[in-house]
Amino acid sequence: MKLLPFEQDGYTYRFADIHDYESVKCVVDEVFQFDLLKDNFIEYYNNSNFKILIALMGEQPAGTLCMERQCDYFNNKRIIIFVRNAGIREKFRRNGVFKQLYAIAYEYAKLMNAAAIELTCANYRSAAHNFYLNNGFTKKKTTVFIREIEV
């Protein structure tokens, strides 16, 4: 694994630090259209099971990839790296940024002795599906159910 931080094609890739709230928020606001609260970012950052990768073009945030280390206690304590909130801002897409963030995540998973990387992806994101399939992922035959909790 290339040691972080490193630069490639004008982008800097590194683990986000506590001072990167505004940069991560910029990506989350644009890509996912939800407001990242500073307290949530700090809680996420301070949890040792979570890591946030960030890609920057100069001072501009280009993309993020968040990882959660999960342990399957029923399956011989198998470690999985679950990718969530991975996204690239529109003006930085199709430049290999996500591919590089994913490559870093893969190497991080190996360093953590993880058995796999797992993620979910909306059904309509066919280009993302193709990326994952072309980069070693297999599609599970599963359906995700969610029930919102009424307050």
N, C-alpha and C. Protein backbone atom coordinates (compact mmCIF):
# COMPACT_ATOMS: atom_id res chain seq x y z
N MET A 1 0.84 -1.19 0.00
CA MET A 1 0.00 0.00 0.00
C MET A 1 0.88 1.23 0.00
N LYS A 2 0.52 2.18 -0.85
CA LYS A 2 1.23 3.45 -0.82
C LYS A 2 0.93 4.11 0.52
N LEU A 3 1.97 4.65 1.13
CA LEU A 3 1.76 5.31 2.41
C LEU A 3 0.98 6.59 2.22
N LEU A 4 0.01 6.78 3.09
CA LEU A 4 -0.80 8.00 3.03
C LEU A 4 -0.13 9.07 3.88
N PRO A 5 -0.20 10.31 3.49
CA PRO A 5 -0.84 10.80 2.27
C PRO A 5 0.08 10.59 1.06
N PHE A 6 -0.54 10.56 -0.12
CA PHE A 6 0.25 10.55 -1.34
C PHE A 6 -0.50 11.31 -2.42
N GLU A 7 0.25 11.70 -3.45
CA GLU A 7 -0.32 12.47 -4.55
C GLU A 7 -0.24 11.66 -5.83
N GLN A 8 -1.29 11.81 -6.64
CA GLN A 8 -1.32 11.16 -7.94
C GLN A 8 -2.23 11.97 -8.85
N ASP A 9 -1.75 12.30 -10.03
CA ASP A 9 -2.52 13.04 -11.04
C ASP A 9 -3.13 14.31 -10.49
N GLY A 10 -2.42 14.99 -9.61
CA GLY A 10 -2.89 16.27 -9.06
C GLY A 10 -3.77 16.15 -7.83
N TYR A 11 -4.12 14.93 -7.46
CA TYR A 11 -4.97 14.71 -6.28
C TYR A 11 -4.11 14.26 -5.10
N THR A 12 -4.50 14.69 -3.91
CA THR A 12 -3.90 14.20 -2.68
C THR A 12 -4.89 13.27 -2.02
N TYR A 13 -4.43 12.10 -1.63
CA TYR A 13 -5.25 11.10 -0.96
C TYR A 13 -4.71 10.90 0.45
N ARG A 14 -5.62 10.92 1.43
CA ARG A 14 -5.19 10.74 2.81
C ARG A 14 -6.39 10.39 3.68
N PHE A 15 -6.09 9.96 4.91
CA PHE A 15 -7.15 9.80 5.89
C PHE A 15 -7.55 11.19 6.36
N ALA A 16 -8.86 11.41 6.48
CA ALA A 16 -9.34 12.68 6.97
C ALA A 16 -8.95 12.84 8.43
N ASP A 17 -8.73 14.08 8.83
CA ASP A 17 -8.49 14.33 10.25
C ASP A 17 -9.61 15.20 10.80
N ILE A 18 -9.55 15.50 12.06
CA ILE A 18 -10.63 16.20 12.74
C ILE A 18 -10.88 17.58 12.12
N HIS A 19 -9.88 18.16 11.47
CA HIS A 19 -10.01 19.48 10.86
C HIS A 19 -10.63 19.44 9.46
N ASP A 20 -10.97 18.27 8.96
CA ASP A 20 -11.52 18.12 7.61
C ASP A 20 -13.04 18.16 7.57
N TYR A 21 -13.67 18.56 8.63
CA TYR A 21 -15.14 18.56 8.67
C TYR A 21 -15.73 19.29 7.46
N GLU A 22 -15.30 20.51 7.19
CA GLU A 22 -15.89 21.30 6.09
C GLU A 22 -15.69 20.61 4.74
N SER A 23 -14.54 20.01 4.53
CA SER A 23 -14.27 19.31 3.26
C SER A 23 -15.17 18.08 3.10
N VAL A 24 -15.27 17.28 4.16
CA VAL A 24 -16.12 16.09 4.10
C VAL A 24 -17.58 16.52 3.94
N LYS A 25 -17.99 17.54 4.67
CA LYS A 25 -19.36 18.05 4.58
C LYS A 25 -19.68 18.51 3.16
N CYS A 26 -18.73 19.15 2.50
CA CYS A 26 -18.93 19.62 1.12
C CYS A 26 -19.27 18.45 0.20
N VAL A 27 -18.53 17.35 0.32
CA VAL A 27 -18.79 16.16 -0.51
C VAL A 27 -20.14 15.56 -0.16
N VAL A 28 -20.40 15.37 1.13
CA VAL A 28 -21.65 14.75 1.58
C VAL A 28 -22.85 15.58 1.15
N ASP A 29 -22.75 16.90 1.31
CA ASP A 29 -23.86 17.78 0.91
C ASP A 29 -24.17 17.64 -0.58
N GLU A 30 -23.12 17.64 -1.41
CA GLU A 30 -23.33 17.60 -2.87
C GLU A 30 -23.74 16.22 -3.36
N VAL A 31 -23.05 15.20 -2.91
CA VAL A 31 -23.26 13.85 -3.45
C VAL A 31 -24.49 13.18 -2.87
N PHE A 32 -24.69 13.32 -1.56
CA PHE A 32 -25.77 12.59 -0.89
C PHE A 32 -26.95 13.46 -0.50
N GLN A 33 -26.82 14.76 -0.69
CA GLN A 33 -27.88 15.72 -0.38
C GLN A 33 -28.40 15.59 1.05
N PHE A 34 -27.50 15.42 2.00
CA PHE A 34 -27.91 15.55 3.39
C PHE A 34 -26.86 16.34 4.16
N ASP A 35 -27.31 16.95 5.23
CA ASP A 35 -26.49 17.85 6.00
C ASP A 35 -25.69 17.06 7.04
N LEU A 36 -24.39 17.04 6.90
CA LEU A 36 -23.52 16.38 7.86
C LEU A 36 -23.31 17.29 9.06
N LEU A 37 -23.80 16.87 10.21
CA LEU A 37 -23.65 17.65 11.43
C LEU A 37 -22.24 17.48 11.99
N LYS A 38 -21.70 18.56 12.50
CA LYS A 38 -20.32 18.52 13.02
C LYS A 38 -20.19 17.51 14.16
N ASP A 39 -21.17 17.45 15.06
CA ASP A 39 -21.10 16.49 16.17
C ASP A 39 -21.06 15.05 15.65
N ASN A 40 -21.81 14.76 14.58
CA ASN A 40 -21.79 13.41 14.00
C ASN A 40 -20.43 13.09 13.38
N PHE A 41 -19.85 14.09 12.71
CA PHE A 41 -18.53 13.91 12.12
C PHE A 41 -17.50 13.62 13.21
N ILE A 42 -17.54 14.37 14.28
CA ILE A 42 -16.59 14.19 15.38
C ILE A 42 -16.76 12.81 16.02
N GLU A 43 -18.00 12.40 16.23
CA GLU A 43 -18.25 11.07 16.80
C GLU A 43 -17.72 9.97 15.88
N TYR A 44 -17.98 10.10 14.58
CA TYR A 44 -17.51 9.14 13.58
C TYR A 44 -15.98 9.11 13.60
N TYR A 45 -15.37 10.30 13.57
CA TYR A 45 -13.92 10.41 13.54
C TYR A 45 -13.28 9.76 14.77
N ASN A 46 -13.87 9.95 15.92
CA ASN A 46 -13.29 9.46 17.17
C ASN A 46 -13.52 7.98 17.43
N ASN A 47 -14.34 7.32 16.62
CA ASN A 47 -14.60 5.89 16.77
C ASN A 47 -13.53 5.11 16.03
N SER A 48 -12.79 4.28 16.74
CA SER A 48 -11.66 3.56 16.13
C SER A 48 -12.09 2.55 15.06
N ASN A 49 -13.38 2.22 14.98
CA ASN A 49 -13.86 1.30 13.95
C ASN A 49 -14.14 2.00 12.62
N PHE A 50 -14.02 3.31 12.58
CA PHE A 50 -14.33 4.08 11.38
C PHE A 50 -13.09 4.80 10.86
N LYS A 51 -12.96 4.84 9.55
CA LYS A 51 -11.91 5.62 8.90
C LYS A 51 -12.54 6.34 7.71
N ILE A 52 -12.12 7.57 7.50
CA ILE A 52 -12.62 8.37 6.38
C ILE A 52 -11.44 8.69 5.48
N LEU A 53 -11.54 8.27 4.22
CA LEU A 53 -10.56 8.66 3.21
C LEU A 53 -11.06 9.90 2.51
N ILE A 54 -10.15 10.78 2.17
CA ILE A 54 -10.54 11.98 1.43
C ILE A 54 -9.58 12.18 0.27
N ALA A 55 -10.13 12.65 -0.84
CA ALA A 55 -9.33 13.02 -2.01
C ALA A 55 -9.49 14.52 -2.20
N LEU A 56 -8.38 15.20 -2.38
CA LEU A 56 -8.39 16.65 -2.55
C LEU A 56 -7.67 17.02 -3.84
N MET A 57 -8.23 18.02 -4.53
CA MET A 57 -7.56 18.63 -5.68
C MET A 57 -7.17 20.02 -5.20
N GLY A 58 -5.91 20.15 -4.81
CA GLY A 58 -5.51 21.39 -4.14
C GLY A 58 -6.23 21.46 -2.81
N GLU A 59 -6.97 22.54 -2.60
CA GLU A 59 -7.76 22.70 -1.37
C GLU A 59 -9.19 22.23 -1.55
N GLN A 60 -9.56 21.87 -2.79
CA GLN A 60 -10.95 21.48 -3.07
C GLN A 60 -11.18 20.00 -2.77
N PRO A 61 -12.19 19.69 -1.96
CA PRO A 61 -12.52 18.28 -1.73
C PRO A 61 -13.13 17.66 -2.98
N ALA A 62 -12.59 16.53 -3.40
CA ALA A 62 -13.08 15.86 -4.60
C ALA A 62 -13.98 14.67 -4.26
N GLY A 63 -13.65 13.94 -3.19
CA GLY A 63 -14.44 12.77 -2.85
C GLY A 63 -14.06 12.21 -1.50
N THR A 64 -14.93 11.34 -1.00
CA THR A 64 -14.68 10.66 0.26
C THR A 64 -15.08 9.20 0.13
N LEU A 65 -14.54 8.40 1.01
CA LEU A 65 -14.92 7.00 1.14
C LEU A 65 -14.80 6.68 2.62
N CYS A 66 -15.89 6.30 3.23
CA CYS A 66 -15.91 6.00 4.66
C CYS A 66 -15.93 4.49 4.84
N MET A 67 -15.15 4.03 5.80
CA MET A 67 -15.04 2.60 6.06
C MET A 67 -15.39 2.31 7.51
N GLU A 68 -16.10 1.20 7.71
CA GLU A 68 -16.40 0.73 9.05
C GLU A 68 -15.89 -0.69 9.19
N ARG A 69 -15.09 -0.91 10.22
CA ARG A 69 -14.61 -2.27 10.51
C ARG A 69 -15.68 -2.98 11.33
N GLN A 70 -16.17 -4.08 10.79
CA GLN A 70 -17.21 -4.86 11.47
C GLN A 70 -16.68 -6.26 11.73
N CYS A 71 -17.13 -6.83 12.83
CA CYS A 71 -16.72 -8.18 13.20
C CYS A 71 -17.95 -9.07 13.27
N ASP A 72 -17.91 -10.17 12.53
CA ASP A 72 -19.00 -11.14 12.54
C ASP A 72 -18.70 -12.18 13.61
N TYR A 73 -19.27 -11.99 14.78
CA TYR A 73 -18.97 -12.86 15.92
C TYR A 73 -19.53 -14.27 15.75
N PHE A 74 -20.49 -14.44 14.86
CA PHE A 74 -21.05 -15.77 14.62
C PHE A 74 -20.27 -16.54 13.55
N ASN A 75 -19.40 -15.85 12.84
CA ASN A 75 -18.65 -16.48 11.76
C ASN A 75 -17.15 -16.39 12.07
N ASN A 76 -16.75 -17.00 13.17
CA ASN A 76 -15.34 -17.10 13.54
C ASN A 76 -14.66 -15.73 13.64
N LYS A 77 -15.39 -14.74 14.10
CA LYS A 77 -14.88 -13.37 14.26
C LYS A 77 -14.30 -12.82 12.96
N ARG A 78 -14.91 -13.13 11.87
CA ARG A 78 -14.50 -12.68 10.54
C ARG A 78 -14.66 -11.16 10.45
N ILE A 79 -13.60 -10.47 10.04
CA ILE A 79 -13.65 -9.01 9.92
C ILE A 79 -14.05 -8.63 8.50
N ILE A 80 -14.98 -7.70 8.42
CA ILE A 80 -15.44 -7.15 7.14
C ILE A 80 -15.21 -5.64 7.19
N ILE A 81 -14.75 -5.07 6.12
CA ILE A 81 -14.69 -3.61 5.99
C ILE A 81 -15.92 -3.21 5.18
N PHE A 82 -16.82 -2.48 5.81
CA PHE A 82 -18.04 -2.04 5.15
C PHE A 82 -17.85 -0.61 4.68
N VAL A 83 -18.01 -0.41 3.38
CA VAL A 83 -17.85 0.92 2.78
C VAL A 83 -19.20 1.61 2.77
N ARG A 84 -19.20 2.84 3.24
CA ARG A 84 -20.43 3.63 3.24
C ARG A 84 -20.08 5.06 2.85
N ASN A 85 -21.04 5.74 2.31
CA ASN A 85 -20.89 7.16 1.95
C ASN A 85 -19.65 7.41 1.09
N ALA A 86 -19.48 6.58 0.08
CA ALA A 86 -18.40 6.78 -0.88
C ALA A 86 -18.96 7.57 -2.05
N GLY A 87 -18.36 8.71 -2.31
CA GLY A 87 -18.87 9.52 -3.41
C GLY A 87 -17.85 10.52 -3.89
N ILE A 88 -18.01 10.89 -5.15
CA ILE A 88 -17.13 11.87 -5.80
C ILE A 88 -18.00 13.03 -6.28
N ARG A 89 -17.56 14.24 -6.01
CA ARG A 89 -18.30 15.42 -6.49
C ARG A 89 -18.31 15.40 -8.03
N GLU A 90 -19.40 15.89 -8.58
CA GLU A 90 -19.66 15.81 -10.03
C GLU A 90 -18.47 16.29 -10.87
N LYS A 91 -17.90 17.43 -10.56
CA LYS A 91 -16.84 17.98 -11.42
C LYS A 91 -15.53 17.20 -11.35
N PHE A 92 -15.42 16.25 -10.43
CA PHE A 92 -14.20 15.45 -10.30
C PHE A 92 -14.39 14.01 -10.74
N ARG A 93 -15.57 13.69 -11.27
CA ARG A 93 -15.84 12.31 -11.68
C ARG A 93 -15.13 11.96 -12.98
N ARG A 94 -14.97 10.67 -13.20
CA ARG A 94 -14.35 10.10 -14.40
C ARG A 94 -12.88 10.50 -14.56
N ASN A 95 -12.22 10.67 -13.42
CA ASN A 95 -10.79 10.97 -13.41
C ASN A 95 -10.00 9.96 -12.60
N GLY A 96 -10.64 8.84 -12.25
CA GLY A 96 -9.95 7.79 -11.50
C GLY A 96 -9.89 8.01 -10.00
N VAL A 97 -10.60 9.03 -9.50
CA VAL A 97 -10.55 9.33 -8.07
C VAL A 97 -11.17 8.21 -7.25
N PHE A 98 -12.35 7.74 -7.64
CA PHE A 98 -12.98 6.68 -6.86
C PHE A 98 -12.17 5.40 -6.95
N LYS A 99 -11.63 5.12 -8.11
CA LYS A 99 -10.82 3.91 -8.27
C LYS A 99 -9.63 3.93 -7.31
N GLN A 100 -9.03 5.10 -7.15
CA GLN A 100 -7.90 5.22 -6.23
C GLN A 100 -8.35 5.11 -4.78
N LEU A 101 -9.47 5.73 -4.43
CA LEU A 101 -10.00 5.61 -3.06
C LEU A 101 -10.31 4.15 -2.75
N TYR A 102 -10.92 3.47 -3.71
CA TYR A 102 -11.23 2.05 -3.51
C TYR A 102 -9.94 1.23 -3.34
N ALA A 103 -8.92 1.51 -4.13
CA ALA A 103 -7.65 0.78 -4.03
C ALA A 103 -7.03 0.97 -2.64
N ILE A 104 -7.13 2.18 -2.11
CA ILE A 104 -6.62 2.44 -0.76
C ILE A 104 -7.45 1.65 0.26
N ALA A 105 -8.76 1.67 0.10
CA ALA A 105 -9.65 0.93 1.01
C ALA A 105 -9.32 -0.57 0.98
N TYR A 106 -9.05 -1.09 -0.21
CA TYR A 106 -8.71 -2.50 -0.35
C TYR A 106 -7.42 -2.82 0.41
N GLU A 107 -6.41 -1.99 0.24
CA GLU A 107 -5.15 -2.22 0.94
C GLU A 107 -5.32 -2.06 2.45
N TYR A 108 -6.14 -1.12 2.86
CA TYR A 108 -6.44 -0.95 4.29
C TYR A 108 -7.10 -2.22 4.84
N ALA A 109 -8.05 -2.77 4.08
CA ALA A 109 -8.73 -4.00 4.50
C ALA A 109 -7.73 -5.14 4.67
N LYS A 110 -6.78 -5.24 3.76
CA LYS A 110 -5.74 -6.27 3.88
C LYS A 110 -4.91 -6.06 5.15
N LEU A 111 -4.55 -4.82 5.43
CA LEU A 111 -3.77 -4.52 6.63
C LEU A 111 -4.54 -4.86 7.91
N MET A 112 -5.86 -4.75 7.85
CA MET A 112 -6.71 -5.05 9.00
C MET A 112 -7.05 -6.54 9.09
N ASN A 113 -6.47 -7.34 8.18
CA ASN A 113 -6.75 -8.78 8.11
C ASN A 113 -8.23 -9.07 7.88
N ALA A 114 -8.87 -8.20 7.13
CA ALA A 114 -10.29 -8.39 6.82
C ALA A 114 -10.45 -9.51 5.80
N ALA A 115 -11.59 -10.17 5.87
CA ALA A 115 -11.91 -11.23 4.92
C ALA A 115 -12.53 -10.67 3.65
N ALA A 116 -13.14 -9.48 3.74
CA ALA A 116 -13.84 -8.93 2.58
C ALA A 116 -14.12 -7.45 2.77
N ILE A 117 -14.45 -6.81 1.66
CA ILE A 117 -15.01 -5.46 1.64
C ILE A 117 -16.44 -5.62 1.17
N GLU A 118 -17.35 -4.94 1.84
CA GLU A 118 -18.76 -5.03 1.49
C GLU A 118 -19.34 -3.63 1.37
N LEU A 119 -20.31 -3.47 0.50
CA LEU A 119 -21.00 -2.19 0.35
C LEU A 119 -22.38 -2.42 -0.22
N THR A 120 -23.21 -1.41 -0.13
CA THR A 120 -24.51 -1.45 -0.78
C THR A 120 -24.53 -0.37 -1.83
N CYS A 121 -25.37 -0.55 -2.82
CA CYS A 121 -25.46 0.41 -3.92
C CYS A 121 -26.88 0.39 -4.45
N ALA A 122 -27.44 1.56 -4.68
CA ALA A 122 -28.81 1.66 -5.18
C ALA A 122 -28.94 0.94 -6.53
N ASN A 123 -30.09 0.35 -6.76
CA ASN A 123 -30.34 -0.42 -7.99
C ASN A 123 -30.16 0.40 -9.26
N TYR A 124 -30.48 1.67 -9.23
CA TYR A 124 -30.43 2.50 -10.44
C TYR A 124 -29.00 2.93 -10.81
N ARG A 125 -28.02 2.67 -9.97
CA ARG A 125 -26.65 3.12 -10.23
C ARG A 125 -25.87 2.06 -11.02
N SER A 126 -26.30 1.84 -12.25
CA SER A 126 -25.72 0.76 -13.06
C SER A 126 -24.23 0.98 -13.37
N ALA A 127 -23.81 2.22 -13.55
CA ALA A 127 -22.39 2.47 -13.80
C ALA A 127 -21.56 2.06 -12.59
N ALA A 128 -22.05 2.35 -11.40
CA ALA A 128 -21.34 1.95 -10.18
C ALA A 128 -21.32 0.43 -10.08
N HIS A 129 -22.44 -0.23 -10.43
CA HIS A 129 -22.49 -1.70 -10.40
C HIS A 129 -21.40 -2.27 -11.31
N ASN A 130 -21.28 -1.71 -12.51
CA ASN A 130 -20.26 -2.18 -13.44
C ASN A 130 -18.85 -1.98 -12.88
N PHE A 131 -18.62 -0.82 -12.25
CA PHE A 131 -17.32 -0.58 -11.64
C PHE A 131 -17.00 -1.67 -10.62
N TYR A 132 -17.96 -1.94 -9.73
CA TYR A 132 -17.72 -2.94 -8.68
C TYR A 132 -17.48 -4.32 -9.27
N LEU A 133 -18.29 -4.71 -10.23
CA LEU A 133 -18.13 -6.02 -10.85
C LEU A 133 -16.79 -6.14 -11.58
N ASN A 134 -16.33 -5.03 -12.19
CA ASN A 134 -15.06 -5.04 -12.90
C ASN A 134 -13.86 -4.94 -11.97
N ASN A 135 -14.11 -4.72 -10.69
CA ASN A 135 -13.02 -4.58 -9.73
C ASN A 135 -13.08 -5.64 -8.63
N GLY A 136 -13.59 -6.83 -8.98
CA GLY A 136 -13.49 -7.97 -8.10
C GLY A 136 -14.66 -8.22 -7.16
N PHE A 137 -15.65 -7.35 -7.15
CA PHE A 137 -16.81 -7.59 -6.30
C PHE A 137 -17.74 -8.59 -6.96
N THR A 138 -18.48 -9.31 -6.16
CA THR A 138 -19.56 -10.15 -6.66
C THR A 138 -20.86 -9.61 -6.09
N LYS A 139 -21.91 -9.78 -6.86
CA LYS A 139 -23.21 -9.28 -6.44
C LYS A 139 -23.90 -10.34 -5.59
N LYS A 140 -24.29 -9.96 -4.39
CA LYS A 140 -25.02 -10.88 -3.53
C LYS A 140 -26.47 -10.95 -3.97
N LYS A 141 -27.08 -12.06 -3.74
CA LYS A 141 -28.51 -12.20 -4.00
C LYS A 141 -29.23 -11.92 -2.69
N THR A 142 -29.36 -10.63 -2.41
CA THR A 142 -29.98 -10.22 -1.15
C THR A 142 -30.82 -8.98 -1.38
N THR A 143 -31.74 -8.77 -0.52
CA THR A 143 -32.56 -7.58 -0.55
C THR A 143 -32.45 -6.92 0.81
N VAL A 144 -32.29 -5.63 0.82
CA VAL A 144 -32.17 -4.89 2.05
C VAL A 144 -33.54 -4.35 2.42
N PHE A 145 -33.94 -4.61 3.64
CA PHE A 145 -35.20 -4.09 4.18
C PHE A 145 -34.88 -3.07 5.25
N ILE A 146 -35.66 -2.03 5.33
CA ILE A 146 -35.46 -1.03 6.37
C ILE A 146 -36.84 -0.59 6.88
N ARG A 147 -36.93 -0.40 8.15
CA ARG A 147 -38.15 0.15 8.73
C ARG A 147 -37.75 1.33 9.57
N GLU A 148 -38.23 2.49 9.19
CA GLU A 148 -37.94 3.70 9.93
C GLU A 148 -38.64 3.63 11.28
N ILE A 149 -38.00 4.15 12.29
CA ILE A 149 -38.56 4.19 13.64
C ILE A 149 -39.38 5.47 13.78
N GLU A 150 -40.62 5.29 14.15
CA GLU A 150 -41.51 6.45 14.32
C GLU A 150 -41.20 7.11 15.65
N VAL A 151 -41.11 8.41 15.62
CA VAL A 151 -40.80 9.15 16.85
C VAL A 151 -42.06 9.77 17.41
